[in-house]
PDB file of all heavy atoms in Angstrom:
ATOM      1  N   GLN A   1     104.895-141.593-111.855  1.00  0.00           N
ATOM      2  CA  GLN A   1     104.833-141.365-113.353  1.00  0.00           C
ATOM      3  C   GLN A   1     103.632-140.441-113.665  1.00  0.00           C
ATOM      4  O   GLN A   1     102.887-140.879-114.545  1.00  0.00           O
ATOM      5  CB  GLN A   1     104.798-142.703-114.104  1.00  0.00           C
ATOM      6  CG  GLN A   1     106.174-143.485-113.778  1.00  0.00           C
ATOM      7  CD  GLN A   1     106.158-144.881-114.402  1.00  0.00           C
ATOM      8  OE1 GLN A   1     105.319-145.128-115.280  1.00  0.00           O
ATOM      9  NE2 GLN A   1     107.283-145.545-114.326  1.00  0.00           N
ATOM     10  N   LYS A   2     103.623-139.310-113.108  1.00  0.00           N
ATOM     11  CA  LYS A   2     102.657-138.189-113.360  1.00  0.00           C
ATOM     12  C   LYS A   2     103.204-137.214-114.363  1.00  0.00           C
ATOM     13  O   LYS A   2     102.470-136.454-114.819  1.00  0.00           O
ATOM     14  CB  LYS A   2     102.300-137.657-112.219  1.00  0.00           C
ATOM     15  CG  LYS A   2     101.636-138.461-111.194  1.00  0.00           C
ATOM     16  CD  LYS A   2     101.161-137.580-109.920  1.00  0.00           C
ATOM     17  CE  LYS A   2     100.464-138.311-108.893  1.00  0.00           C
ATOM     18  NZ  LYS A   2     100.018-137.360-107.815  1.00  0.00           N
ATOM     19  N   ILE A   3     104.498-137.258-114.605  1.00  0.00           N
ATOM     20  CA  ILE A   3     105.120-136.068-115.420  1.00  0.00           C
ATOM     21  C   ILE A   3     105.187-136.533-116.849  1.00  0.00           C
ATOM     22  O   ILE A   3     105.708-137.659-117.273  1.00  0.00           O
ATOM     23  CB  ILE A   3     106.537-135.716-114.883  1.00  0.00           C
ATOM     24  CG1 ILE A   3     106.462-135.202-113.488  1.00  0.00           C
ATOM     25  CG2 ILE A   3     107.260-134.797-115.860  1.00  0.00           C
ATOM     26  CD1 ILE A   3     107.675-134.789-112.853  1.00  0.00           C
ATOM     27  N   TYR A   4     104.679-135.646-117.844  1.00  0.00           N
ATOM     28  CA  TYR A   4     104.608-136.025-119.172  1.00  0.00           C
ATOM     29  C   TYR A   4     105.092-134.655-120.057  1.00  0.00           C
ATOM     30  O   TYR A   4     105.091-133.605-119.450  1.00  0.00           O
ATOM     31  CB  TYR A   4     103.304-136.301-119.605  1.00  0.00           C
ATOM     32  CG  TYR A   4     102.652-137.557-119.067  1.00  0.00           C
ATOM     33  CD1 TYR A   4     101.980-137.483-117.794  1.00  0.00           C
ATOM     34  CD2 TYR A   4     102.578-138.814-119.739  1.00  0.00           C
ATOM     35  CE1 TYR A   4     101.278-138.607-117.342  1.00  0.00           C
ATOM     36  CE2 TYR A   4     102.081-139.859-119.188  1.00  0.00           C
ATOM     37  CZ  TYR A   4     101.512-139.732-118.028  1.00  0.00           C
ATOM     38  OH  TYR A   4     100.854-140.856-117.394  1.00  0.00           O
ATOM     39  N   LYS A   5     105.436-134.920-121.198  1.00  0.00           N
ATOM     40  CA  LYS A   5     105.630-133.857-122.157  1.00  0.00           C
ATOM     41  C   LYS A   5     104.395-133.679-122.987  1.00  0.00           C
ATOM     42  O   LYS A   5     103.977-134.827-123.353  1.00  0.00           O
ATOM     43  CB  LYS A   5     106.931-134.058-122.972  1.00  0.00           C
ATOM     44  CG  LYS A   5     107.312-132.839-123.813  1.00  0.00           C
ATOM     45  CD  LYS A   5     108.774-132.896-124.150  1.00  0.00           C
ATOM     46  CE  LYS A   5     109.150-134.015-125.198  1.00  0.00           C
ATOM     47  NZ  LYS A   5     110.412-133.970-125.807  1.00  0.00           N
ATOM     48  N   LEU A   6     103.786-132.578-123.178  1.00  0.00           N
ATOM     49  CA  LEU A   6     102.446-132.487-123.844  1.00  0.00           C
ATOM     50  C   LEU A   6     102.349-133.285-125.207  1.00  0.00           C
ATOM     51  O   LEU A   6     101.357-133.928-125.266  1.00  0.00           O
ATOM     52  CB  LEU A   6     102.085-130.932-124.079  1.00  0.00           C
ATOM     53  CG  LEU A   6     100.860-130.756-124.672  1.00  0.00           C
ATOM     54  CD1 LEU A   6      99.605-131.245-123.913  1.00  0.00           C
ATOM     55  CD2 LEU A   6     100.577-129.209-124.769  1.00  0.00           C
ATOM     56  N   LEU A   7     103.257-133.180-126.022  1.00  0.00           N
ATOM     57  CA  LEU A   7     103.149-133.815-127.376  1.00  0.00           C
ATOM     58  C   LEU A   7     103.295-135.374-127.274  1.00  0.00           C
ATOM     59  O   LEU A   7     102.940-136.094-128.244  1.00  0.00           O
ATOM     60  CB  LEU A   7     104.152-133.218-128.425  1.00  0.00           C
ATOM     61  CG  LEU A   7     103.648-131.895-129.035  1.00  0.00           C
ATOM     62  CD1 LEU A   7     104.644-131.383-129.759  1.00  0.00           C
ATOM     63  CD2 LEU A   7     102.320-131.867-129.540  1.00  0.00           C
ATOM     64  N   GLU A   8     103.659-135.998-126.039  1.00  0.00           N
ATOM     65  CA  GLU A   8     103.661-137.322-125.868  1.00  0.00           C
ATOM     66  C   GLU A   8     102.291-137.755-126.107  1.00  0.00           C
ATOM     67  O   GLU A   8     102.098-138.979-126.695  1.00  0.00           O
ATOM     68  CB  GLU A   8     104.135-137.743-124.485  1.00  0.00           C
ATOM     69  CG  GLU A   8     105.471-137.772-124.203  1.00  0.00           C
ATOM     70  CD  GLU A   8     105.886-138.384-122.772  1.00  0.00           C
ATOM     71  OE1 GLU A   8     105.485-139.553-122.558  1.00  0.00           O
ATOM     72  OE2 GLU A   8     106.199-137.501-121.911  1.00  0.00           O
ATOM     73  N   PHE A   9     101.188-137.171-125.793  1.00  0.00           N
ATOM     74  CA  PHE A   9      99.902-137.639-125.885  1.00  0.00           C
ATOM     75  C   PHE A   9      99.471-137.803-127.409  1.00  0.00           C
ATOM     76  O   PHE A   9      98.562-138.504-127.728  1.00  0.00           O
ATOM     77  CB  PHE A   9      98.885-136.710-125.129  1.00  0.00           C
ATOM     78  CG  PHE A   9      99.189-136.740-123.693  1.00  0.00           C
ATOM     79  CD1 PHE A   9      99.826-135.610-123.066  1.00  0.00           C
ATOM     80  CD2 PHE A   9      98.685-137.701-122.867  1.00  0.00           C
ATOM     81  CE1 PHE A   9     100.115-135.666-121.734  1.00  0.00           C
ATOM     82  CE2 PHE A   9      98.921-137.747-121.499  1.00  0.00           C
ATOM     83  CZ  PHE A   9      99.716-136.736-120.913  1.00  0.00           C
ATOM     84  N   ALA A  10     100.164-136.951-128.300  1.00  0.00           N
ATOM     85  CA  ALA A  10      99.931-137.130-129.738  1.00  0.00           C
ATOM     86  C   ALA A  10     100.873-138.075-130.354  1.00  0.00           C
ATOM     87  O   ALA A  10     100.951-138.052-131.591  1.00  0.00           O
ATOM     88  CB  ALA A  10     100.188-135.634-130.309  1.00  0.00           C
ATOM     89  N   GLY A  11     101.575-138.852-129.590  1.00  0.00           N
ATOM     90  CA  GLY A  11     102.583-139.881-130.100  1.00  0.00           C
ATOM     91  C   GLY A  11     103.717-139.253-130.600  1.00  0.00           C
ATOM     92  O   GLY A  11     104.565-139.810-131.295  1.00  0.00           O
ATOM     93  N   SER A  12     104.315-138.006-130.175  1.00  0.00           N
ATOM     94  CA  SER A  12     105.427-137.407-130.523  1.00  0.00           C
ATOM     95  C   SER A  12     106.369-137.069-129.330  1.00  0.00           C
ATOM     96  O   SER A  12     105.827-136.845-128.242  1.00  0.00           O
ATOM     97  CB  SER A  12     105.140-136.104-131.244  1.00  0.00           C
ATOM     98  OG  SER A  12     106.430-135.395-131.586  1.00  0.00           O
ATOM     99  N   ARG A  13     107.728-137.196-129.592  1.00  0.00           N
ATOM    100  CA  ARG A  13     108.650-136.773-128.499  1.00  0.00           C
ATOM    101  C   ARG A  13     109.092-135.401-128.784  1.00  0.00           C
ATOM    102  O   ARG A  13     110.006-134.896-127.943  1.00  0.00           O
ATOM    103  CB  ARG A  13     109.766-137.665-128.539  1.00  0.00           C
ATOM    104  CG  ARG A  13     109.507-139.179-128.075  1.00  0.00           C
ATOM    105  CD  ARG A  13     109.123-139.076-126.550  1.00  0.00           C
ATOM    106  NE  ARG A  13     110.153-138.608-125.735  1.00  0.00           N
ATOM    107  CZ  ARG A  13     110.081-138.282-124.517  1.00  0.00           C
ATOM    108  NH1 ARG A  13     108.877-138.574-123.825  1.00  0.00           N
ATOM    109  NH2 ARG A  13     110.995-137.753-123.883  1.00  0.00           N
ATOM    110  N   ARG A  14     108.675-134.627-129.786  1.00  0.00           N
ATOM    111  CA  ARG A  14     109.240-133.411-130.108  1.00  0.00           C
ATOM    112  C   ARG A  14     108.891-132.351-129.038  1.00  0.00           C
ATOM    113  O   ARG A  14     107.897-132.482-128.341  1.00  0.00           O
ATOM    114  CB  ARG A  14     108.886-132.841-131.392  1.00  0.00           C
ATOM    115  CG  ARG A  14     107.511-132.364-131.563  1.00  0.00           C
ATOM    116  CD  ARG A  14     107.302-131.939-133.032  1.00  0.00           C
ATOM    117  NE  ARG A  14     106.041-131.159-133.319  1.00  0.00           N
ATOM    118  CZ  ARG A  14     104.822-131.836-133.464  1.00  0.00           C
ATOM    119  NH1 ARG A  14     104.867-133.199-133.535  1.00  0.00           N
ATOM    120  NH2 ARG A  14     103.823-131.196-133.720  1.00  0.00           N
ATOM    121  N   ASP A  15     109.644-131.352-128.845  1.00  0.00           N
ATOM    122  CA  ASP A  15     109.481-130.201-127.980  1.00  0.00           C
ATOM    123  C   ASP A  15     108.324-129.253-128.455  1.00  0.00           C
ATOM    124  O   ASP A  15     108.314-129.089-129.748  1.00  0.00           O
ATOM    125  CB  ASP A  15     110.711-129.455-127.570  1.00  0.00           C
ATOM    126  CG  ASP A  15     111.622-130.221-126.748  1.00  0.00           C
ATOM    127  OD1 ASP A  15     111.257-131.252-126.188  1.00  0.00           O
ATOM    128  OD2 ASP A  15     112.851-129.824-126.664  1.00  0.00           O
ATOM    129  N   ILE A  16     107.843-128.461-127.646  1.00  0.00           N
ATOM    130  CA  ILE A  16     107.023-127.221-128.243  1.00  0.00           C
ATOM    131  C   ILE A  16     108.016-126.074-127.867  1.00  0.00           C
ATOM    132  O   ILE A  16     108.392-125.714-126.789  1.00  0.00           O
ATOM    133  CB  ILE A  16     105.707-127.057-127.316  1.00  0.00           C
ATOM    134  CG1 ILE A  16     104.781-128.292-127.603  1.00  0.00           C
ATOM    135  CG2 ILE A  16     104.961-125.812-127.658  1.00  0.00           C
ATOM    136  CD1 ILE A  16     103.401-128.224-126.847  1.00  0.00           C
ATOM    137  N   ALA A  17     108.206-125.437-128.963  1.00  0.00           N
ATOM    138  CA  ALA A  17     109.178-124.244-128.949  1.00  0.00           C
ATOM    139  C   ALA A  17     108.621-123.150-128.030  1.00  0.00           C
ATOM    140  O   ALA A  17     107.472-122.877-128.000  1.00  0.00           O
ATOM    141  CB  ALA A  17     109.475-123.854-130.467  1.00  0.00           C
ATOM    142  N   ASP A  18     109.537-122.450-127.366  1.00  0.00           N
ATOM    143  CA  ASP A  18     109.196-121.376-126.531  1.00  0.00           C
ATOM    144  C   ASP A  18     109.150-119.980-127.358  1.00  0.00           C
ATOM    145  O   ASP A  18     110.157-119.532-127.905  1.00  0.00           O
ATOM    146  CB  ASP A  18     110.294-121.148-125.548  1.00  0.00           C
ATOM    147  CG  ASP A  18     109.899-120.071-124.406  1.00  0.00           C
ATOM    148  OD1 ASP A  18     108.926-119.351-124.703  1.00  0.00           O
ATOM    149  OD2 ASP A  18     110.624-120.107-123.380  1.00  0.00           O
ATOM    150  N   PRO A  19     107.967-119.565-127.541  1.00  0.00           N
ATOM    151  CA  PRO A  19     107.787-118.272-128.514  1.00  0.00           C
ATOM    152  C   PRO A  19     108.450-117.080-127.834  1.00  0.00           C
ATOM    153  O   PRO A  19     108.577-116.042-128.492  1.00  0.00           O
ATOM    154  CB  PRO A  19     106.255-118.183-128.601  1.00  0.00           C
ATOM    155  CG  PRO A  19     105.778-118.742-127.234  1.00  0.00           C
ATOM    156  CD  PRO A  19     106.724-119.861-127.061  1.00  0.00           C
ATOM    157  N   TRP A  20     108.804-117.083-126.625  1.00  0.00           N
ATOM    158  CA  TRP A  20     109.517-115.914-125.912  1.00  0.00           C
ATOM    159  C   TRP A  20     110.795-115.706-126.697  1.00  0.00           C
ATOM    160  O   TRP A  20     111.274-114.712-126.937  1.00  0.00           O
ATOM    161  CB  TRP A  20     109.771-116.242-124.478  1.00  0.00           C
ATOM    162  CG  TRP A  20     110.223-114.972-123.793  1.00  0.00           C
ATOM    163  CD1 TRP A  20     109.384-114.127-123.095  1.00  0.00           C
ATOM    164  CD2 TRP A  20     111.573-114.482-123.635  1.00  0.00           C
ATOM    165  NE1 TRP A  20     110.115-113.217-122.392  1.00  0.00           N
ATOM    166  CE2 TRP A  20     111.462-113.300-122.812  1.00  0.00           C
ATOM    167  CE3 TRP A  20     112.763-114.970-124.040  1.00  0.00           C
ATOM    168  CZ2 TRP A  20     112.537-112.683-122.303  1.00  0.00           C
ATOM    169  CZ3 TRP A  20     113.921-114.201-123.654  1.00  0.00           C
ATOM    170  CH2 TRP A  20     113.807-113.124-122.705  1.00  0.00           C
ATOM    171  N   TYR A  21     111.419-116.901-127.234  1.00  0.00           N
ATOM    172  CA  TYR A  21     112.651-116.952-127.944  1.00  0.00           C
ATOM    173  C   TYR A  21     112.385-116.766-129.422  1.00  0.00           C
ATOM    174  O   TYR A  21     113.139-116.144-130.184  1.00  0.00           O
ATOM    175  CB  TYR A  21     113.525-118.116-127.656  1.00  0.00           C
ATOM    176  CG  TYR A  21     114.036-118.165-126.203  1.00  0.00           C
ATOM    177  CD1 TYR A  21     113.379-118.900-125.276  1.00  0.00           C
ATOM    178  CD2 TYR A  21     115.013-117.293-125.772  1.00  0.00           C
ATOM    179  CE1 TYR A  21     113.767-119.026-124.009  1.00  0.00           C
ATOM    180  CE2 TYR A  21     115.523-117.318-124.447  1.00  0.00           C
ATOM    181  CZ  TYR A  21     114.780-118.154-123.575  1.00  0.00           C
ATOM    182  OH  TYR A  21     115.242-118.167-122.235  1.00  0.00           O
ATOM    183  N   THR A  22     111.506-117.623-129.901  1.00  0.00           N
ATOM    184  CA  THR A  22     111.296-117.593-131.418  1.00  0.00           C
ATOM    185  C   THR A  22     110.348-116.732-131.987  1.00  0.00           C
ATOM    186  O   THR A  22     110.482-116.240-133.061  1.00  0.00           O
ATOM    187  CB  THR A  22     110.522-119.132-131.822  1.00  0.00           C
ATOM    188  OG1 THR A  22     109.273-119.086-131.223  1.00  0.00           O
ATOM    189  CG2 THR A  22     111.280-120.330-131.252  1.00  0.00           C
ATOM    190  N   GLY A  23     109.569-116.014-131.010  1.00  0.00           N
ATOM    191  CA  GLY A  23     108.582-114.978-131.543  1.00  0.00           C
ATOM    192  C   GLY A  23     107.335-115.553-132.392  1.00  0.00           C
ATOM    193  O   GLY A  23     106.556-114.744-132.834  1.00  0.00           O
ATOM    194  N   ASN A  24     107.412-116.899-132.578  1.00  0.00           N
ATOM    195  CA  ASN A  24     106.420-117.554-133.351  1.00  0.00           C
ATOM    196  C   ASN A  24     105.282-118.094-132.505  1.00  0.00           C
ATOM    197  O   ASN A  24     105.296-119.248-132.147  1.00  0.00           O
ATOM    198  CB  ASN A  24     106.995-118.619-134.364  1.00  0.00           C
ATOM    199  CG  ASN A  24     105.979-118.871-135.442  1.00  0.00           C
ATOM    200  OD1 ASN A  24     104.889-118.921-135.308  1.00  0.00           O
ATOM    201  ND2 ASN A  24     106.537-119.291-136.599  1.00  0.00           N
ATOM    202  N   PHE A  25     104.254-117.378-132.116  1.00  0.00           N
ATOM    203  CA  PHE A  25     103.201-117.840-131.360  1.00  0.00           C
ATOM    204  C   PHE A  25     102.218-118.751-132.145  1.00  0.00           C
ATOM    205  O   PHE A  25     101.496-119.519-131.482  1.00  0.00           O
ATOM    206  CB  PHE A  25     102.495-116.658-130.651  1.00  0.00           C
ATOM    207  CG  PHE A  25     103.295-116.116-129.506  1.00  0.00           C
ATOM    208  CD1 PHE A  25     104.239-115.133-129.838  1.00  0.00           C
ATOM    209  CD2 PHE A  25     103.129-116.440-128.217  1.00  0.00           C
ATOM    210  CE1 PHE A  25     104.876-114.474-128.930  1.00  0.00           C
ATOM    211  CE2 PHE A  25     103.807-115.936-127.191  1.00  0.00           C
ATOM    212  CZ  PHE A  25     104.736-114.917-127.421  1.00  0.00           C
ATOM    213  N   ASP A  26     102.195-118.579-133.398  1.00  0.00           N
ATOM    214  CA  ASP A  26     101.281-119.405-134.322  1.00  0.00           C
ATOM    215  C   ASP A  26     101.843-120.807-134.293  1.00  0.00           C
ATOM    216  O   ASP A  26     100.892-121.735-134.046  1.00  0.00           O
ATOM    217  CB  ASP A  26     101.425-118.827-135.762  1.00  0.00           C
ATOM    218  CG  ASP A  26     100.828-117.414-135.855  1.00  0.00           C
ATOM    219  OD1 ASP A  26     100.072-117.160-135.014  1.00  0.00           O
ATOM    220  OD2 ASP A  26     101.106-116.801-136.939  1.00  0.00           O
ATOM    221  N   VAL A  27     103.107-121.187-134.359  1.00  0.00           N
ATOM    222  CA  VAL A  27     103.522-122.558-134.267  1.00  0.00           C
ATOM    223  C   VAL A  27     103.271-123.135-133.087  1.00  0.00           C
ATOM    224  O   VAL A  27     102.919-124.229-132.876  1.00  0.00           O
ATOM    225  CB  VAL A  27     105.026-122.526-134.704  1.00  0.00           C
ATOM    226  CG1 VAL A  27     105.660-123.984-134.519  1.00  0.00           C
ATOM    227  CG2 VAL A  27     105.231-122.197-136.279  1.00  0.00           C
ATOM    228  N   THR A  28     103.642-122.362-131.886  1.00  0.00           N
ATOM    229  CA  THR A  28     103.398-122.819-130.619  1.00  0.00           C
ATOM    230  C   THR A  28     101.980-123.118-130.436  1.00  0.00           C
ATOM    231  O   THR A  28     101.596-124.229-129.719  1.00  0.00           O
ATOM    232  CB  THR A  28     103.911-121.706-129.486  1.00  0.00           C
ATOM    233  OG1 THR A  28     105.473-121.672-129.707  1.00  0.00           O
ATOM    234  CG2 THR A  28     103.642-122.156-128.111  1.00  0.00           C
ATOM    235  N   TYR A  29     101.082-122.264-130.806  1.00  0.00           N
ATOM    236  CA  TYR A  29      99.671-122.552-130.658  1.00  0.00           C
ATOM    237  C   TYR A  29      99.177-123.850-131.388  1.00  0.00           C
ATOM    238  O   TYR A  29      98.437-124.589-130.753  1.00  0.00           O
ATOM    239  CB  TYR A  29      98.857-121.397-131.230  1.00  0.00           C
ATOM    240  CG  TYR A  29      97.367-121.582-131.294  1.00  0.00           C
ATOM    241  CD1 TYR A  29      96.512-121.439-130.000  1.00  0.00           C
ATOM    242  CD2 TYR A  29      96.641-121.914-132.365  1.00  0.00           C
ATOM    243  CE1 TYR A  29      95.248-121.557-130.114  1.00  0.00           C
ATOM    244  CE2 TYR A  29      95.383-122.130-132.505  1.00  0.00           C
ATOM    245  CZ  TYR A  29      94.553-122.084-131.260  1.00  0.00           C
ATOM    246  OH  TYR A  29      93.226-122.215-131.207  1.00  0.00           O
ATOM    247  N   ALA A  30      99.643-124.013-132.585  1.00  0.00           N
ATOM    248  CA  ALA A  30      99.447-125.160-133.364  1.00  0.00           C
ATOM    249  C   ALA A  30      99.807-126.527-132.569  1.00  0.00           C
ATOM    250  O   ALA A  30      99.042-127.515-132.512  1.00  0.00           O
ATOM    251  CB  ALA A  30     100.019-125.151-134.729  1.00  0.00           C
ATOM    252  N   ASP A  31     100.986-126.471-131.994  1.00  0.00           N
ATOM    253  CA  ASP A  31     101.483-127.581-131.270  1.00  0.00           C
ATOM    254  C   ASP A  31     100.610-127.785-130.028  1.00  0.00           C
ATOM    255  O   ASP A  31     100.405-129.050-129.644  1.00  0.00           O
ATOM    256  CB  ASP A  31     102.918-127.450-130.842  1.00  0.00           C
ATOM    257  CG  ASP A  31     103.919-127.594-132.108  1.00  0.00           C
ATOM    258  OD1 ASP A  31     103.519-128.250-133.058  1.00  0.00           O
ATOM    259  OD2 ASP A  31     105.038-127.246-132.033  1.00  0.00           O
ATOM    260  N   ILE A  32     100.358-126.733-129.335  1.00  0.00           N
ATOM    261  CA  ILE A  32      99.434-126.863-128.148  1.00  0.00           C
ATOM    262  C   ILE A  32      98.163-127.623-128.414  1.00  0.00           C
ATOM    263  O   ILE A  32      97.682-128.299-127.608  1.00  0.00           O
ATOM    264  CB  ILE A  32      99.484-125.561-127.244  1.00  0.00           C
ATOM    265  CG1 ILE A  32     100.789-125.236-126.723  1.00  0.00           C
ATOM    266  CG2 ILE A  32      98.379-125.538-126.284  1.00  0.00           C
ATOM    267  CD1 ILE A  32     100.976-123.940-125.991  1.00  0.00           C
ATOM    268  N   ILE A  33      97.512-126.926-129.499  1.00  0.00           N
ATOM    269  CA  ILE A  33      96.263-127.502-129.920  1.00  0.00           C
ATOM    270  C   ILE A  33      96.347-129.037-130.151  1.00  0.00           C
ATOM    271  O   ILE A  33      95.511-129.762-129.719  1.00  0.00           O
ATOM    272  CB  ILE A  33      95.739-126.905-131.203  1.00  0.00           C
ATOM    273  CG1 ILE A  33      95.238-125.452-130.709  1.00  0.00           C
ATOM    274  CG2 ILE A  33      94.614-127.615-131.867  1.00  0.00           C
ATOM    275  CD1 ILE A  33      93.994-125.371-130.116  1.00  0.00           C
ATOM    276  N   GLU A  34      97.362-129.414-130.883  1.00  0.00           N
ATOM    277  CA  GLU A  34      97.554-130.892-131.130  1.00  0.00           C
ATOM    278  C   GLU A  34      97.678-131.624-129.873  1.00  0.00           C
ATOM    279  O   GLU A  34      97.124-132.807-129.697  1.00  0.00           O
ATOM    280  CB  GLU A  34      98.884-131.082-132.046  1.00  0.00           C
ATOM    281  CG  GLU A  34      99.206-132.552-132.452  1.00  0.00           C
ATOM    282  CD  GLU A  34     100.472-132.584-133.120  1.00  0.00           C
ATOM    283  OE1 GLU A  34     101.009-131.584-133.561  1.00  0.00           O
ATOM    284  OE2 GLU A  34     100.830-133.710-133.322  1.00  0.00           O
ATOM    285  N   GLY A  35      98.476-131.108-128.930  1.00  0.00           N
ATOM    286  CA  GLY A  35      98.708-131.943-127.656  1.00  0.00           C
ATOM    287  C   GLY A  35      97.455-131.897-126.878  1.00  0.00           C
ATOM    288  O   GLY A  35      97.156-132.941-126.283  1.00  0.00           O
ATOM    289  N   CYS A  36      96.868-130.830-126.787  1.00  0.00           N
ATOM    290  CA  CYS A  36      95.662-130.753-125.823  1.00  0.00           C
ATOM    291  C   CYS A  36      94.527-131.594-126.447  1.00  0.00           C
ATOM    292  O   CYS A  36      93.658-132.233-125.725  1.00  0.00           O
ATOM    293  CB  CYS A  36      95.229-129.360-125.707  1.00  0.00           C
ATOM    294  SG  CYS A  36      96.201-128.364-124.593  1.00  0.00           S
ATOM    295  N   GLU A  37      94.329-131.590-127.769  1.00  0.00           N
ATOM    296  CA  GLU A  37      93.257-132.397-128.355  1.00  0.00           C
ATOM    297  C   GLU A  37      93.607-133.929-128.082  1.00  0.00           C
ATOM    298  O   GLU A  37      92.583-134.685-127.763  1.00  0.00           O
ATOM    299  CB  GLU A  37      93.190-132.127-129.891  1.00  0.00           C
ATOM    300  CG  GLU A  37      92.516-130.956-130.287  1.00  0.00           C
ATOM    301  CD  GLU A  37      92.397-130.618-131.661  1.00  0.00           C
ATOM    302  OE1 GLU A  37      93.268-131.256-132.471  1.00  0.00           O
ATOM    303  OE2 GLU A  37      91.674-129.811-132.158  1.00  0.00           O
ATOM    304  N   ALA A  38      94.809-134.271-128.267  1.00  0.00           N
ATOM    305  CA  ALA A  38      95.187-135.645-128.029  1.00  0.00           C
ATOM    306  C   ALA A  38      95.034-136.043-126.511  1.00  0.00           C
ATOM    307  O   ALA A  38      94.598-137.159-126.092  1.00  0.00           O
ATOM    308  CB  ALA A  38      96.638-135.964-128.421  1.00  0.00           C
ATOM    309  N   LEU A  39      95.351-135.207-125.567  1.00  0.00           N
ATOM    310  CA  LEU A  39      95.103-135.407-124.185  1.00  0.00           C
ATOM    311  C   LEU A  39      93.843-135.540-123.809  1.00  0.00           C
ATOM    312  O   LEU A  39      93.455-136.522-123.147  1.00  0.00           O
ATOM    313  CB  LEU A  39      95.837-134.157-123.460  1.00  0.00           C
ATOM    314  CG  LEU A  39      95.480-134.271-121.902  1.00  0.00           C
ATOM    315  CD1 LEU A  39      96.108-135.463-121.203  1.00  0.00           C
ATOM    316  CD2 LEU A  39      96.130-132.846-121.349  1.00  0.00           C
ATOM    317  N   LEU A  40      92.909-134.696-124.381  1.00  0.00           N
ATOM    318  CA  LEU A  40      91.477-134.811-124.048  1.00  0.00           C
ATOM    319  C   LEU A  40      90.894-136.056-124.542  1.00  0.00           C
ATOM    320  O   LEU A  40      89.945-136.655-124.002  1.00  0.00           O
ATOM    321  CB  LEU A  40      90.828-133.584-124.525  1.00  0.00           C
ATOM    322  CG  LEU A  40      89.469-133.316-123.977  1.00  0.00           C
ATOM    323  CD1 LEU A  40      89.464-133.256-122.401  1.00  0.00           C
ATOM    324  CD2 LEU A  40      88.943-131.929-124.548  1.00  0.00           C
ATOM    325  N   GLU A  41      91.329-136.441-125.852  1.00  0.00           N
ATOM    326  CA  GLU A  41      90.772-137.627-126.355  1.00  0.00           C
ATOM    327  C   GLU A  41      91.172-138.831-125.515  1.00  0.00           C
ATOM    328  O   GLU A  41      90.336-139.753-125.353  1.00  0.00           O
ATOM    329  CB  GLU A  41      91.430-137.867-127.730  1.00  0.00           C
ATOM    330  CG  GLU A  41      90.875-139.126-128.478  1.00  0.00           C
ATOM    331  CD  GLU A  41      91.542-139.201-129.923  1.00  0.00           C
ATOM    332  OE1 GLU A  41      92.189-138.299-130.333  1.00  0.00           O
ATOM    333  OE2 GLU A  41      91.292-140.376-130.463  1.00  0.00           O
TER     334      GLU A  41
END
């Protein structure tokens, strides 16, 4: 049980969208910040 989805650490089951398809790197960045901050905490 080492495999996680990043936003699990922030209490969410939602996916982080792939900006290669969406073109929206701002939204992806915000989600990654949320997940990484929660992980580090």
